[in-house]
Amino acid sequence: MTLQTSLETGHLLVITGNMMSGKTEELIARLRTAERIESIRAQAARRDGRAYTPRRIGVYKHGLDRRYSATEIASHGGQRVPATPVSSALELLARCLEDGVRVVVCDEVQFFMERDEEGWVIVRVLMELLRRGCQIMVSGLDKDFRGMPFGPMGDILALADERVSLTATCMRCGAPAVLPQRIINGRPADWNDPVVFPGATESYEPRCRRCHETVPPETLTWAEAAVARESSRPLPQ
């Protein structure tokens, strides 16, 4: 089955923020609302004697997310929804086409980090689904353990029609936490560690900027190096 282009207007909702900020709970709540809307529309059509085919809803997650379940979207609070795991942006698109979905729900979208000469593949996949009139709801971390934009999330947020940004609570001091703290083998992660670090004994907790830690690189920071280069330039005559 293929997903046909329709006159329905596409819409992209992006739910983002720090870990343990309620992103998955918000995504599940939006999913339940979409399901309720389809049920109400179907009831109204039956009452009016009209034909109505409810929009098919597809729920997906990146296969790297195995914290609670490989086949469910699961929140820290215990909410669970069955989901199809996918390992790439193109697999997500293929599943949507095969399943004939009109409402696309996807958790942990920051992990779709495939790039080609045209940029992030997931961005073009979302643009294609929007072109086809899909209603899309995705969630993901906006920053990695260094505090930098997490993979494609900056571009995905720029593409969004609607954004929900959530904040967690710092596990050290109780202040608003906007950064994920990565701990590997009992110590803060090294700045130069890969963003996705398979095989490591790692844990995470939300922290504020004051309490966030990384092991800095031994070389000059980018800012120090830039200032040094600028100050070494001869003054204009």
C-alpha atoms as a PDB file:
ATOM      1  CA  MET A   1       0.000   0.000   0.000  1.00  0.00           C
ATOM      2  CA  THR A   2       1.282   3.467  -0.811  1.00  0.00           C
ATOM      3  CA  LEU A   3       0.571   6.758   0.843  1.00  0.00           C
ATOM      4  CA  GLN A   4      -1.117   9.002  -1.704  1.00  0.00           C
ATOM      5  CA  THR A   5      -0.622  12.740  -1.907  1.00  0.00           C
ATOM      6  CA  SER A   6      -3.799  14.482  -0.740  1.00  0.00           C
ATOM      7  CA  LEU A   7      -5.191  17.986  -0.380  1.00  0.00           C
ATOM      8  CA  GLU A   8      -4.943  17.676   3.407  1.00  0.00           C
ATOM      9  CA  THR A   9      -2.399  20.122   4.827  1.00  0.00           C
ATOM     10  CA  GLY A  10       0.616  18.563   6.515  1.00  0.00           C
ATOM     11  CA  HIS A  11       1.607  19.625  10.026  1.00  0.00           C
ATOM     12  CA  LEU A  12       4.757  18.943  12.041  1.00  0.00           C
ATOM     13  CA  LEU A  13       4.731  19.085  15.838  1.00  0.00           C
ATOM     14  CA  VAL A  14       8.133  18.793  17.541  1.00  0.00           C
ATOM     15  CA  ILE A  15       8.296  18.084  21.277  1.00  0.00           C
ATOM     16  CA  THR A  16      11.774  18.718  22.607  1.00  0.00           C
ATOM     17  CA  GLY A  17      13.769  19.538  25.705  1.00  0.00           C
ATOM     18  CA  ASN A  18      16.018  17.836  28.215  1.00  0.00           C
ATOM     19  CA  MET A  19      15.834  14.255  29.403  1.00  0.00           C
ATOM     20  CA  MET A  20      13.221  13.560  32.099  1.00  0.00           C
ATOM     21  CA  SER A  21      11.300  16.694  31.109  1.00  0.00           C
ATOM     22  CA  GLY A  22       8.114  14.861  30.092  1.00  0.00           C
ATOM     23  CA  LYS A  23       8.658  14.663  26.320  1.00  0.00           C
ATOM     24  CA  THR A  24       7.354  11.107  25.956  1.00  0.00           C
ATOM     25  CA  GLU A  25       4.370  11.778  28.219  1.00  0.00           C
ATOM     26  CA  GLU A  26       3.489  14.787  26.039  1.00  0.00           C
ATOM     27  CA  LEU A  27       3.899  12.711  22.873  1.00  0.00           C
ATOM     28  CA  ILE A  28       1.620   9.981  24.231  1.00  0.00           C
ATOM     29  CA  ALA A  29      -0.958  12.597  25.277  1.00  0.00           C
ATOM     30  CA  ARG A  30      -0.942  14.055  21.737  1.00  0.00           C
ATOM     31  CA  LEU A  31      -1.313  10.539  20.322  1.00  0.00           C
ATOM     32  CA  ARG A  32      -4.328   9.872  22.566  1.00  0.00           C
ATOM     33  CA  THR A  33      -5.873  13.154  21.414  1.00  0.00           C
ATOM     34  CA  ALA A  34      -5.417  12.154  17.763  1.00  0.00           C
ATOM     35  CA  GLU A  35      -7.039   8.772  18.444  1.00  0.00           C
ATOM     36  CA  ARG A  36      -9.942  10.465  20.229  1.00  0.00           C
ATOM     37  CA  ILE A  37     -10.452  12.881  17.321  1.00  0.00           C
ATOM     38  CA  GLU A  38     -10.661   9.997  14.848  1.00  0.00           C
ATOM     39  CA  SER A  39     -13.185   8.219  17.069  1.00  0.00           C
ATOM     40  CA  ILE A  40     -15.355  11.355  17.343  1.00  0.00           C
ATOM     41  CA  ARG A  41     -15.236  11.928  13.571  1.00  0.00           C
ATOM     42  CA  ALA A  42     -16.242   8.323  12.903  1.00  0.00           C
ATOM     43  CA  GLN A  43     -19.166   8.581  15.355  1.00  0.00           C
ATOM     44  CA  ALA A  44     -20.324  11.849  13.782  1.00  0.00           C
ATOM     45  CA  ALA A  45     -20.208  10.321  10.308  1.00  0.00           C
ATOM     46  CA  ARG A  46     -22.284   7.328  11.387  1.00  0.00           C
ATOM     47  CA  ARG A  47     -24.786   9.639  13.064  1.00  0.00           C
ATOM     48  CA  ASP A  48     -25.086  11.737   9.882  1.00  0.00           C
ATOM     49  CA  GLY A  49     -25.188   8.745   7.581  1.00  0.00           C
ATOM     50  CA  ARG A  50     -21.900   9.655   5.938  1.00  0.00           C
ATOM     51  CA  ALA A  51     -19.007   7.444   5.013  1.00  0.00           C
ATOM     52  CA  TYR A  52     -15.802   8.131   6.914  1.00  0.00           C
ATOM     53  CA  THR A  53     -12.562   6.197   6.962  1.00  0.00           C
ATOM     54  CA  PRO A  54     -10.513   7.066  10.055  1.00  0.00           C
ATOM     55  CA  ARG A  55      -6.969   8.160   9.358  1.00  0.00           C
ATOM     56  CA  ARG A  56      -4.490   5.413  10.072  1.00  0.00           C
ATOM     57  CA  ILE A  57      -2.033   6.263  12.860  1.00  0.00           C
ATOM     58  CA  GLY A  58       1.500   4.869  12.824  1.00  0.00           C
ATOM     59  CA  VAL A  59       3.653   4.852  15.963  1.00  0.00           C
ATOM     60  CA  TYR A  60       7.409   4.439  15.556  1.00  0.00           C
ATOM     61  CA  LYS A  61      10.617   4.808  17.537  1.00  0.00           C
ATOM     62  CA  HIS A  62      14.312   4.712  16.741  1.00  0.00           C
ATOM     63  CA  GLY A  63      15.749   1.260  17.337  1.00  0.00           C
ATOM     64  CA  LEU A  64      18.604   2.647  19.474  1.00  0.00           C
ATOM     65  CA  ASP A  65      16.114   3.372  22.247  1.00  0.00           C
ATOM     66  CA  ARG A  66      15.950   0.145  24.272  1.00  0.00           C
ATOM     67  CA  ARG A  67      15.802   1.621  27.776  1.00  0.00           C
ATOM     68  CA  TYR A  68      12.450   0.125  28.736  1.00  0.00           C
ATOM     69  CA  SER A  69      11.267  -1.819  25.685  1.00  0.00           C
ATOM     70  CA  ALA A  70      12.403  -2.453  22.126  1.00  0.00           C
ATOM     71  CA  THR A  71       8.836  -2.399  20.802  1.00  0.00           C
ATOM     72  CA  GLU A  72       7.133   0.289  22.888  1.00  0.00           C
ATOM     73  CA  ILE A  73       7.329   4.005  23.481  1.00  0.00           C
ATOM     74  CA  ALA A  74       7.774   4.164  27.248  1.00  0.00           C
ATOM     75  CA  SER A  75       7.885   7.165  29.555  1.00  0.00           C
ATOM     76  CA  HIS A  76       9.791   7.494  32.827  1.00  0.00           C
ATOM     77  CA  GLY A  77       6.396   7.592  34.527  1.00  0.00           C
ATOM     78  CA  GLY A  78       5.423   4.154  33.243  1.00  0.00           C
ATOM     79  CA  GLN A  79       3.159   4.987  30.289  1.00  0.00           C
ATOM     80  CA  ARG A  80       3.623   2.576  27.371  1.00  0.00           C
ATOM     81  CA  VAL A  81       2.408   2.510  23.782  1.00  0.00           C
ATOM     82  CA  PRO A  82       3.229  -0.198  21.203  1.00  0.00           C
ATOM     83  CA  ALA A  83       5.642   1.135  18.561  1.00  0.00           C
ATOM     84  CA  THR A  84       7.475  -0.159  15.515  1.00  0.00           C
ATOM     85  CA  PRO A  85      11.272   0.212  15.846  1.00  0.00           C
ATOM     86  CA  VAL A  86      13.116   1.585  12.803  1.00  0.00           C
ATOM     87  CA  SER A  87      16.850   1.997  12.314  1.00  0.00           C
ATOM     88  CA  SER A  88      17.043   4.782   9.722  1.00  0.00           C
ATOM     89  CA  ALA A  89      15.114   7.725   8.331  1.00  0.00           C
ATOM     90  CA  LEU A  90      14.524   5.925   5.033  1.00  0.00           C
ATOM     91  CA  GLU A  91      13.153   2.907   6.886  1.00  0.00           C
ATOM     92  CA  LEU A  92      10.754   5.246   8.687  1.00  0.00           C
ATOM     93  CA  LEU A  93       9.545   6.616   5.354  1.00  0.00           C
ATOM     94  CA  ALA A  94       9.203   3.102   3.908  1.00  0.00           C
ATOM     95  CA  ARG A  95       7.136   1.977   6.911  1.00  0.00           C
ATOM     96  CA  CYS A  96       4.842   4.982   6.587  1.00  0.00           C
ATOM     97  CA  LEU A  97       4.319   4.257   2.899  1.00  0.00           C
ATOM     98  CA  GLU A  98       3.723   0.549   3.473  1.00  0.00           C
ATOM     99  CA  ASP A  99       1.381   1.114   6.410  1.00  0.00           C
ATOM    100  CA  GLY A 100      -0.575   3.836   4.634  1.00  0.00           C
ATOM    101  CA  VAL A 101      -0.524   6.094   7.680  1.00  0.00           C
ATOM    102  CA  ARG A 102      -1.860   9.649   7.746  1.00  0.00           C
ATOM    103  CA  VAL A 103      -0.756  10.438  11.309  1.00  0.00           C
ATOM    104  CA  VAL A 104       2.911   9.737  12.067  1.00  0.00           C
ATOM    105  CA  VAL A 105       4.164   9.535  15.656  1.00  0.00           C
ATOM    106  CA  CYS A 106       7.873   8.992  16.320  1.00  0.00           C
ATOM    107  CA  ASP A 107       9.913   9.068  19.524  1.00  0.00           C
ATOM    108  CA  GLU A 108      13.680   9.675  19.905  1.00  0.00           C
ATOM    109  CA  VAL A 109      13.921  11.387  16.515  1.00  0.00           C
ATOM    110  CA  GLN A 110      17.351  12.846  17.390  1.00  0.00           C
ATOM    111  CA  PHE A 111      18.927   9.442  16.691  1.00  0.00           C
ATOM    112  CA  PHE A 112      18.213   9.647  12.938  1.00  0.00           C
ATOM    113  CA  MET A 113      21.712  10.930  12.213  1.00  0.00           C
ATOM    114  CA  GLU A 114      22.256   9.756   8.625  1.00  0.00           C
ATOM    115  CA  ARG A 115      23.614  12.473   6.346  1.00  0.00           C
ATOM    116  CA  ASP A 116      24.318  12.710   2.646  1.00  0.00           C
ATOM    117  CA  GLU A 117      25.436  15.471   0.295  1.00  0.00           C
ATOM    118  CA  GLU A 118      22.075  17.217   0.766  1.00  0.00           C
ATOM    119  CA  GLY A 119      22.121  17.195   4.565  1.00  0.00           C
ATOM    120  CA  TRP A 120      20.126  15.301   7.184  1.00  0.00           C
ATOM    121  CA  VAL A 121      18.081  12.512   5.588  1.00  0.00           C
ATOM    122  CA  ILE A 122      15.403  12.679   8.305  1.00  0.00           C
ATOM    123  CA  VAL A 123      14.672  16.310   7.386  1.00  0.00           C
ATOM    124  CA  ARG A 124      13.898  15.359   3.790  1.00  0.00           C
ATOM    125  CA  VAL A 125      11.803  12.412   4.983  1.00  0.00           C
ATOM    126  CA  LEU A 126       9.711  14.723   7.165  1.00  0.00           C
ATOM    127  CA  MET A 127       9.373  17.208   4.300  1.00  0.00           C
ATOM    128  CA  GLU A 128       8.109  14.414   2.024  1.00  0.00           C
ATOM    129  CA  LEU A 129       5.544  13.295   4.599  1.00  0.00           C
ATOM    130  CA  LEU A 130       4.412  16.899   5.006  1.00  0.00           C
ATOM    131  CA  ARG A 131       4.082  17.229   1.242  1.00  0.00           C
ATOM    132  CA  ARG A 132       1.790  14.209   1.321  1.00  0.00           C
ATOM    133  CA  GLY A 133      -0.433  15.872   3.912  1.00  0.00           C
ATOM    134  CA  CYS A 134       0.576  13.834   6.962  1.00  0.00           C
ATOM    135  CA  GLN A 135       0.105  15.010  10.513  1.00  0.00           C
ATOM    136  CA  ILE A 136       3.467  14.361  12.185  1.00  0.00           C
ATOM    137  CA  MET A 137       4.308  14.334  15.887  1.00  0.00           C
ATOM    138  CA  VAL A 138       7.909  13.700  16.939  1.00  0.00           C
ATOM    139  CA  SER A 139       9.892  14.054  20.134  1.00  0.00           C
ATOM    140  CA  GLY A 140      13.585  14.098  20.931  1.00  0.00           C
ATOM    141  CA  LEU A 141      16.443  15.625  22.881  1.00  0.00           C
ATOM    142  CA  ASP A 142      17.468  19.032  21.602  1.00  0.00           C
ATOM    143  CA  LYS A 143      21.016  18.921  23.081  1.00  0.00           C
ATOM    144  CA  ASP A 144      23.657  16.222  23.412  1.00  0.00           C
ATOM    145  CA  PHE A 145      25.790  15.595  26.526  1.00  0.00           C
ATOM    146  CA  ARG A 146      28.088  18.519  25.594  1.00  0.00           C
ATOM    147  CA  GLY A 147      25.195  20.969  25.292  1.00  0.00           C
ATOM    148  CA  MET A 148      25.477  21.095  21.503  1.00  0.00           C
ATOM    149  CA  PRO A 149      22.497  20.599  19.133  1.00  0.00           C
ATOM    150  CA  PHE A 150      21.779  16.864  19.008  1.00  0.00           C
ATOM    151  CA  GLY A 151      22.259  15.656  15.436  1.00  0.00           C
ATOM    152  CA  PRO A 152      19.387  16.807  13.209  1.00  0.00           C
ATOM    153  CA  MET A 153      17.254  18.366  15.955  1.00  0.00           C
ATOM    154  CA  GLY A 154      18.149  21.956  15.101  1.00  0.00           C
ATOM    155  CA  ASP A 155      17.002  21.514  11.506  1.00  0.00           C
ATOM    156  CA  ILE A 156      13.919  19.544  12.570  1.00  0.00           C
ATOM    157  CA  LEU A 157      12.915  22.370  14.925  1.00  0.00           C
ATOM    158  CA  ALA A 158      13.375  24.891  12.124  1.00  0.00           C
ATOM    159  CA  LEU A 159      11.021  22.808   9.967  1.00  0.00           C
ATOM    160  CA  ALA A 160       8.340  22.535  12.659  1.00  0.00           C
ATOM    161  CA  ASP A 161       4.903  24.153  12.432  1.00  0.00           C
ATOM    162  CA  GLU A 162       4.485  23.806  16.192  1.00  0.00           C
ATOM    163  CA  ARG A 163       7.070  23.418  18.954  1.00  0.00           C
ATOM    164  CA  VAL A 164       6.760  22.316  22.565  1.00  0.00           C
ATOM    165  CA  SER A 165       9.908  22.902  24.636  1.00  0.00           C
ATOM    166  CA  LEU A 166      10.102  21.254  28.068  1.00  0.00           C
ATOM    167  CA  THR A 167      12.517  21.681  30.977  1.00  0.00           C
ATOM    168  CA  ALA A 168      13.597  19.158  33.610  1.00  0.00           C
ATOM    169  CA  THR A 169      14.860  19.665  37.181  1.00  0.00           C
ATOM    170  CA  CYS A 170      18.575  19.528  37.971  1.00  0.00           C
ATOM    171  CA  MET A 171      19.409  16.402  39.971  1.00  0.00           C
ATOM    172  CA  ARG A 172      22.189  18.257  41.799  1.00  0.00           C
ATOM    173  CA  CYS A 173      20.596  21.532  42.936  1.00  0.00           C
ATOM    174  CA  GLY A 174      16.945  21.622  41.865  1.00  0.00           C
ATOM    175  CA  ALA A 175      17.335  24.451  39.347  1.00  0.00           C
ATOM    176  CA  PRO A 176      15.800  24.255  35.861  1.00  0.00           C
ATOM    177  CA  ALA A 177      17.859  21.672  33.949  1.00  0.00           C
ATOM    178  CA  VAL A 178      18.481  22.219  30.248  1.00  0.00           C
ATOM    179  CA  LEU A 179      21.436  19.846  29.728  1.00  0.00           C
ATOM    180  CA  PRO A 180      21.813  16.057  29.875  1.00  0.00           C
ATOM    181  CA  GLN A 181      24.732  14.930  32.054  1.00  0.00           C
ATOM    182  CA  ARG A 182      26.493  11.811  30.800  1.00  0.00           C
ATOM    183  CA  ILE A 183      28.409   9.694  33.338  1.00  0.00           C
ATOM    184  CA  ILE A 184      30.657   6.929  31.990  1.00  0.00           C
ATOM    185  CA  ASN A 185      32.194   4.429  34.408  1.00  0.00           C
ATOM    186  CA  GLY A 186      31.515   6.808  37.283  1.00  0.00           C
ATOM    187  CA  ARG A 187      33.025   9.975  35.800  1.00  0.00           C
ATOM    188  CA  PRO A 188      31.822  12.836  33.588  1.00  0.00           C
ATOM    189  CA  ALA A 189      32.069  12.141  29.878  1.00  0.00           C
ATOM    190  CA  ASP A 190      34.957  13.489  27.849  1.00  0.00           C
ATOM    191  CA  TRP A 191      34.052  16.332  25.493  1.00  0.00           C
ATOM    192  CA  ASN A 192      35.571  14.402  22.578  1.00  0.00           C
ATOM    193  CA  ASP A 193      33.539  11.238  23.188  1.00  0.00           C
ATOM    194  CA  PRO A 194      31.101  10.322  20.409  1.00  0.00           C
ATOM    195  CA  VAL A 195      27.538  11.545  20.823  1.00  0.00           C
ATOM    196  CA  VAL A 196      26.249   7.965  20.620  1.00  0.00           C
ATOM    197  CA  PHE A 197      28.594   5.743  22.652  1.00  0.00           C
ATOM    198  CA  PRO A 198      27.612   2.058  22.218  1.00  0.00           C
ATOM    199  CA  GLY A 199      29.111  -0.458  24.616  1.00  0.00           C
ATOM    200  CA  ALA A 200      29.907   1.994  27.403  1.00  0.00           C
ATOM    201  CA  THR A 201      28.604   1.686  30.944  1.00  0.00           C
ATOM    202  CA  GLU A 202      26.856   5.015  30.968  1.00  0.00           C
ATOM    203  CA  SER A 203      24.088   6.794  32.811  1.00  0.00           C
ATOM    204  CA  TYR A 204      22.413  10.163  32.393  1.00  0.00           C
ATOM    205  CA  GLU A 205      20.740  12.756  34.564  1.00  0.00           C
ATOM    206  CA  PRO A 206      19.373  16.247  33.908  1.00  0.00           C
ATOM    207  CA  ARG A 207      21.485  19.143  35.148  1.00  0.00           C
ATOM    208  CA  CYS A 208      21.528  22.927  34.998  1.00  0.00           C
ATOM    209  CA  ARG A 209      24.376  24.794  33.316  1.00  0.00           C
ATOM    210  CA  ARG A 210      26.085  25.442  36.653  1.00  0.00           C
ATOM    211  CA  CYS A 211      26.169  21.752  37.635  1.00  0.00           C
ATOM    212  CA  HIS A 212      26.808  20.283  34.176  1.00  0.00           C
ATOM    213  CA  GLU A 213      30.260  18.724  33.699  1.00  0.00           C
ATOM    214  CA  THR A 214      32.405  17.404  30.868  1.00  0.00           C
ATOM    215  CA  VAL A 215      36.101  16.579  30.812  1.00  0.00           C
ATOM    216  CA  PRO A 216      37.473  19.456  28.689  1.00  0.00           C
ATOM    217  CA  PRO A 217      39.865  18.756  25.817  1.00  0.00           C
ATOM    218  CA  GLU A 218      43.541  19.265  26.619  1.00  0.00           C
ATOM    219  CA  THR A 219      43.981  21.656  23.700  1.00  0.00           C
ATOM    220  CA  LEU A 220      42.862  25.281  23.700  1.00  0.00           C
ATOM    221  CA  THR A 221      39.125  25.767  23.599  1.00  0.00           C
ATOM    222  CA  TRP A 222      37.619  27.036  20.375  1.00  0.00           C
ATOM    223  CA  ALA A 223      37.131  30.498  21.886  1.00  0.00           C
ATOM    224  CA  GLU A 224      40.703  30.690  23.227  1.00  0.00           C
ATOM    225  CA  ALA A 225      42.138  29.577  19.888  1.00  0.00           C
ATOM    226  CA  ALA A 226      40.017  32.094  17.975  1.00  0.00           C
ATOM    227  CA  VAL A 227      41.064  34.958  20.246  1.00  0.00           C
ATOM    228  CA  ALA A 228      44.716  33.906  19.928  1.00  0.00           C
ATOM    229  CA  ARG A 229      44.490  33.898  16.142  1.00  0.00           C
ATOM    230  CA  GLU A 230      42.789  37.295  16.108  1.00  0.00           C
ATOM    231  CA  SER A 231      45.291  38.903  18.478  1.00  0.00           C
ATOM    232  CA  SER A 232      48.231  37.626  16.423  1.00  0.00           C
ATOM    233  CA  ARG A 233      47.101  39.455  13.295  1.00  0.00           C
ATOM    234  CA  PRO A 234      49.068  42.613  12.444  1.00  0.00           C
ATOM    235  CA  LEU A 235      47.162  45.854  12.887  1.00  0.00           C
ATOM    236  CA  PRO A 236      45.998  47.503   9.624  1.00  0.00           C
ATOM    237  CA  GLN A 237      48.231  50.349   8.424  1.00  0.00           C
END
